[in-house]
Amino acid sequence: MGKKLSVIRFKPKPEHYETFLNDVIENGKDRDPQYPHFCVRAGDEVIAVVIRDSDNFEQSAQEGVVNWLDERRSMLQEYDPVNRHTIPLSGDLVE
């Protein structure tokens, strides 16, 4: 069983920065410790770093992240018309 690492960049609107940051932190609290979740404060961005089971990666990414993000889009600035509200990067975790 392999693992996937995802790095997702968000750019909250300044007035929603702290609320969004706290939402990202809360979203990671109930995760299985085998698949950790980190939150990074980077200037005007919030970056989520998540490790997932590669077997369930596609399903969990589609179901969890999209639904969670849809509820918070109004809190975010768009990066550009292609990336919209996130800049994601995912790949196989090599260790």
N, C-alpha and C. Protein backbone atom coordinates (compact mmCIF):
# COMPACT_ATOMS: atom_id res chain seq x y z
N MET A 1 0.85 -1.19 0.00
CA MET A 1 0.00 0.00 0.00
C MET A 1 0.89 1.24 0.00
N GLY A 2 0.76 2.09 -1.02
CA GLY A 2 1.55 3.30 -1.12
C GLY A 2 0.83 4.49 -0.50
N LYS A 3 1.56 5.59 -0.43
CA LYS A 3 1.01 6.81 0.12
C LYS A 3 1.17 7.93 -0.89
N LYS A 4 0.22 8.84 -0.89
CA LYS A 4 0.26 10.04 -1.72
C LYS A 4 0.46 11.25 -0.82
N LEU A 5 1.23 12.20 -1.29
CA LEU A 5 1.40 13.46 -0.59
C LEU A 5 0.75 14.54 -1.43
N SER A 6 -0.07 15.35 -0.80
CA SER A 6 -0.71 16.48 -1.49
C SER A 6 -0.33 17.78 -0.79
N VAL A 7 0.00 18.76 -1.60
CA VAL A 7 0.25 20.11 -1.11
C VAL A 7 -0.76 20.99 -1.82
N ILE A 8 -1.58 21.70 -1.04
CA ILE A 8 -2.63 22.53 -1.63
C ILE A 8 -2.47 23.95 -1.11
N ARG A 9 -2.29 24.87 -2.04
CA ARG A 9 -2.13 26.28 -1.69
C ARG A 9 -3.48 26.99 -1.80
N PHE A 10 -3.78 27.80 -0.81
CA PHE A 10 -4.99 28.61 -0.77
C PHE A 10 -4.59 30.06 -0.50
N LYS A 11 -5.35 30.99 -1.03
CA LYS A 11 -5.09 32.41 -0.77
C LYS A 11 -6.37 33.04 -0.23
N PRO A 12 -6.56 32.97 1.09
CA PRO A 12 -7.77 33.54 1.67
C PRO A 12 -7.84 35.06 1.49
N LYS A 13 -9.06 35.56 1.38
CA LYS A 13 -9.24 37.01 1.41
C LYS A 13 -8.76 37.47 2.79
N PRO A 14 -8.11 38.64 2.86
CA PRO A 14 -7.53 39.07 4.14
C PRO A 14 -8.51 39.03 5.31
N GLU A 15 -9.74 39.41 5.07
CA GLU A 15 -10.72 39.44 6.17
C GLU A 15 -11.16 38.03 6.62
N HIS A 16 -10.83 37.02 5.85
CA HIS A 16 -11.19 35.63 6.19
C HIS A 16 -9.97 34.77 6.53
N TYR A 17 -8.79 35.38 6.55
CA TYR A 17 -7.56 34.60 6.70
C TYR A 17 -7.59 33.71 7.95
N GLU A 18 -7.82 34.28 9.11
CA GLU A 18 -7.77 33.52 10.37
C GLU A 18 -8.86 32.45 10.42
N THR A 19 -10.06 32.78 9.96
CA THR A 19 -11.15 31.80 9.96
C THR A 19 -10.81 30.64 9.04
N PHE A 20 -10.30 30.94 7.86
CA PHE A 20 -9.96 29.87 6.92
C PHE A 20 -8.81 29.02 7.47
N LEU A 21 -7.79 29.66 8.02
CA LEU A 21 -6.68 28.94 8.62
C LEU A 21 -7.19 27.97 9.69
N ASN A 22 -8.06 28.44 10.55
CA ASN A 22 -8.62 27.59 11.60
C ASN A 22 -9.45 26.45 11.02
N ASP A 23 -10.16 26.70 9.93
CA ASP A 23 -10.93 25.64 9.27
C ASP A 23 -10.01 24.54 8.73
N VAL A 24 -8.88 24.94 8.15
CA VAL A 24 -7.92 23.95 7.63
C VAL A 24 -7.36 23.13 8.79
N ILE A 25 -7.03 23.79 9.88
CA ILE A 25 -6.50 23.08 11.06
C ILE A 25 -7.54 22.10 11.60
N GLU A 26 -8.78 22.56 11.75
CA GLU A 26 -9.86 21.70 12.26
C GLU A 26 -10.10 20.51 11.34
N ASN A 27 -10.04 20.74 10.04
CA ASN A 27 -10.27 19.68 9.06
C ASN A 27 -9.28 18.53 9.23
N GLY A 28 -8.10 18.82 9.73
CA GLY A 28 -7.08 17.79 9.88
C GLY A 28 -7.04 17.10 11.23
N LYS A 29 -7.81 17.57 12.20
CA LYS A 29 -7.70 17.05 13.56
C LYS A 29 -8.15 15.60 13.73
N ASP A 30 -9.13 15.16 12.98
CA ASP A 30 -9.67 13.82 13.18
C ASP A 30 -9.06 12.79 12.23
N ARG A 31 -7.97 13.11 11.61
CA ARG A 31 -7.34 12.19 10.65
C ARG A 31 -6.61 11.07 11.37
N ASP A 32 -6.51 9.95 10.71
CA ASP A 32 -5.73 8.81 11.18
C ASP A 32 -4.28 9.27 11.32
N PRO A 33 -3.64 9.04 12.48
CA PRO A 33 -2.25 9.49 12.67
C PRO A 33 -1.27 8.90 11.65
N GLN A 34 -1.64 7.80 11.04
CA GLN A 34 -0.79 7.20 10.00
C GLN A 34 -0.76 8.08 8.75
N TYR A 35 -1.77 8.93 8.60
CA TYR A 35 -1.87 9.83 7.43
C TYR A 35 -1.98 11.27 7.93
N PRO A 36 -0.85 11.87 8.32
CA PRO A 36 -0.89 13.19 8.94
C PRO A 36 -1.31 14.32 8.00
N HIS A 37 -1.66 15.41 8.62
CA HIS A 37 -2.15 16.63 7.96
C HIS A 37 -1.40 17.79 8.61
N PHE A 38 -0.80 18.64 7.80
CA PHE A 38 -0.08 19.80 8.32
C PHE A 38 -0.66 21.06 7.70
N CYS A 39 -0.56 22.14 8.43
CA CYS A 39 -1.04 23.42 7.94
C CYS A 39 0.11 24.41 8.06
N VAL A 40 0.36 25.15 6.98
CA VAL A 40 1.47 26.09 6.93
C VAL A 40 0.93 27.49 6.67
N ARG A 41 1.40 28.45 7.46
CA ARG A 41 1.10 29.86 7.24
C ARG A 41 2.26 30.40 6.41
N ALA A 42 1.99 30.89 5.20
CA ALA A 42 3.05 31.36 4.31
C ALA A 42 2.65 32.69 3.69
N GLY A 43 2.98 33.77 4.36
CA GLY A 43 2.60 35.08 3.86
C GLY A 43 1.10 35.21 3.81
N ASP A 44 0.56 35.52 2.63
CA ASP A 44 -0.90 35.67 2.50
C ASP A 44 -1.57 34.36 2.10
N GLU A 45 -0.81 33.25 2.11
CA GLU A 45 -1.36 31.95 1.74
C GLU A 45 -1.46 31.03 2.96
N VAL A 46 -2.36 30.06 2.84
CA VAL A 46 -2.45 28.94 3.76
C VAL A 46 -2.15 27.71 2.92
N ILE A 47 -1.24 26.88 3.39
CA ILE A 47 -0.86 25.69 2.63
C ILE A 47 -1.18 24.45 3.46
N ALA A 48 -1.94 23.54 2.88
CA ALA A 48 -2.26 22.27 3.53
C ALA A 48 -1.37 21.20 2.93
N VAL A 49 -0.77 20.40 3.80
CA VAL A 49 0.06 19.28 3.38
C VAL A 49 -0.59 18.03 3.98
N VAL A 50 -0.98 17.09 3.12
CA VAL A 50 -1.74 15.93 3.55
C VAL A 50 -1.13 14.66 2.99
N ILE A 51 -1.05 13.63 3.82
CA ILE A 51 -0.62 12.31 3.36
C ILE A 51 -1.85 11.42 3.37
N ARG A 52 -2.06 10.69 2.26
CA ARG A 52 -3.23 9.82 2.12
C ARG A 52 -2.81 8.45 1.63
N ASP A 53 -3.64 7.48 1.88
CA ASP A 53 -3.49 6.13 1.33
C ASP A 53 -3.74 6.23 -0.16
N SER A 54 -2.81 5.76 -0.98
CA SER A 54 -2.96 5.91 -2.43
C SER A 54 -4.16 5.14 -2.98
N ASP A 55 -4.56 4.06 -2.32
CA ASP A 55 -5.72 3.29 -2.79
C ASP A 55 -7.01 4.10 -2.69
N ASN A 56 -7.10 4.94 -1.69
CA ASN A 56 -8.32 5.73 -1.49
C ASN A 56 -8.14 7.19 -1.88
N PHE A 57 -7.01 7.51 -2.49
CA PHE A 57 -6.67 8.90 -2.78
C PHE A 57 -7.70 9.60 -3.66
N GLU A 58 -8.02 8.99 -4.81
CA GLU A 58 -8.94 9.65 -5.74
C GLU A 58 -10.31 9.86 -5.12
N GLN A 59 -10.83 8.84 -4.46
CA GLN A 59 -12.16 8.94 -3.86
C GLN A 59 -12.19 9.99 -2.75
N SER A 60 -11.21 9.93 -1.85
CA SER A 60 -11.21 10.88 -0.74
C SER A 60 -10.96 12.30 -1.23
N ALA A 61 -10.11 12.43 -2.24
CA ALA A 61 -9.83 13.77 -2.79
C ALA A 61 -11.09 14.37 -3.39
N GLN A 62 -11.81 13.59 -4.16
CA GLN A 62 -13.01 14.10 -4.81
C GLN A 62 -14.12 14.40 -3.81
N GLU A 63 -14.39 13.45 -2.93
CA GLU A 63 -15.50 13.61 -2.00
C GLU A 63 -15.21 14.64 -0.92
N GLY A 64 -14.07 14.49 -0.25
CA GLY A 64 -13.79 15.34 0.89
C GLY A 64 -13.37 16.74 0.54
N VAL A 65 -12.36 16.87 -0.28
CA VAL A 65 -11.79 18.18 -0.57
C VAL A 65 -12.76 19.06 -1.35
N VAL A 66 -13.40 18.51 -2.36
CA VAL A 66 -14.30 19.33 -3.18
C VAL A 66 -15.48 19.84 -2.36
N ASN A 67 -16.10 18.97 -1.59
CA ASN A 67 -17.23 19.41 -0.76
C ASN A 67 -16.79 20.45 0.27
N TRP A 68 -15.66 20.18 0.92
CA TRP A 68 -15.14 21.10 1.93
C TRP A 68 -14.82 22.45 1.29
N LEU A 69 -14.18 22.41 0.14
CA LEU A 69 -13.79 23.64 -0.55
C LEU A 69 -15.00 24.43 -1.04
N ASP A 70 -16.00 23.73 -1.57
CA ASP A 70 -17.20 24.42 -2.07
C ASP A 70 -17.85 25.27 -0.98
N GLU A 71 -17.79 24.81 0.26
CA GLU A 71 -18.39 25.55 1.37
C GLU A 71 -17.57 26.79 1.74
N ARG A 72 -16.34 26.88 1.25
CA ARG A 72 -15.44 27.97 1.66
C ARG A 72 -14.92 28.83 0.51
N ARG A 73 -15.37 28.58 -0.69
CA ARG A 73 -14.87 29.35 -1.85
C ARG A 73 -15.03 30.86 -1.69
N SER A 74 -16.10 31.28 -1.06
CA SER A 74 -16.34 32.72 -0.90
C SER A 74 -15.29 33.38 -0.01
N MET A 75 -14.54 32.57 0.75
CA MET A 75 -13.49 33.10 1.63
C MET A 75 -12.15 33.25 0.91
N LEU A 76 -12.07 32.75 -0.33
CA LEU A 76 -10.80 32.68 -1.04
C LEU A 76 -10.71 33.61 -2.23
N GLN A 77 -9.49 34.06 -2.51
CA GLN A 77 -9.20 34.80 -3.73
C GLN A 77 -8.84 33.78 -4.81
N GLU A 78 -9.14 34.11 -6.04
CA GLU A 78 -8.74 33.24 -7.14
C GLU A 78 -7.29 33.56 -7.51
N TYR A 79 -6.53 32.49 -7.79
CA TYR A 79 -5.16 32.68 -8.28
C TYR A 79 -5.20 33.13 -9.74
N ASP A 80 -5.99 32.43 -10.55
CA ASP A 80 -6.14 32.75 -11.96
C ASP A 80 -7.32 31.92 -12.48
N PRO A 81 -7.74 32.16 -13.73
CA PRO A 81 -8.91 31.44 -14.26
C PRO A 81 -8.72 29.93 -14.40
N VAL A 82 -7.48 29.46 -14.49
CA VAL A 82 -7.24 28.03 -14.64
C VAL A 82 -7.23 27.34 -13.28
N ASN A 83 -6.42 27.83 -12.35
CA ASN A 83 -6.31 27.21 -11.03
C ASN A 83 -7.49 27.56 -10.12
N ARG A 84 -8.06 28.69 -10.37
CA ARG A 84 -9.16 29.22 -9.56
C ARG A 84 -8.74 29.41 -8.11
N HIS A 85 -9.30 28.65 -7.15
CA HIS A 85 -9.09 28.92 -5.73
C HIS A 85 -7.99 28.11 -5.07
N THR A 86 -7.38 27.18 -5.80
CA THR A 86 -6.31 26.38 -5.22
C THR A 86 -5.20 26.13 -6.24
N ILE A 87 -4.01 25.90 -5.71
CA ILE A 87 -2.92 25.41 -6.54
C ILE A 87 -2.49 24.09 -5.89
N PRO A 88 -2.94 22.97 -6.45
CA PRO A 88 -2.61 21.67 -5.85
C PRO A 88 -1.41 21.00 -6.52
N LEU A 89 -0.73 20.19 -5.73
CA LEU A 89 0.36 19.35 -6.23
C LEU A 89 0.28 18.04 -5.47
N SER A 90 0.21 16.94 -6.18
CA SER A 90 0.14 15.61 -5.56
C SER A 90 1.10 14.66 -6.24
N GLY A 91 1.58 13.69 -5.46
CA GLY A 91 2.46 12.69 -6.03
C GLY A 91 2.68 11.55 -5.06
N ASP A 92 3.36 10.53 -5.54
CA ASP A 92 3.67 9.38 -4.70
C ASP A 92 4.72 9.75 -3.67
N LEU A 93 4.43 9.42 -2.42
CA LEU A 93 5.38 9.69 -1.34
C LEU A 93 6.49 8.66 -1.41
N VAL A 94 7.73 9.13 -1.48
CA VAL A 94 8.88 8.25 -1.63
C VAL A 94 9.56 8.00 -0.29
N GLU A 95 9.39 8.84 0.68
CA GLU A 95 9.98 8.79 2.03
C GLU A 95 11.31 9.47 2.07
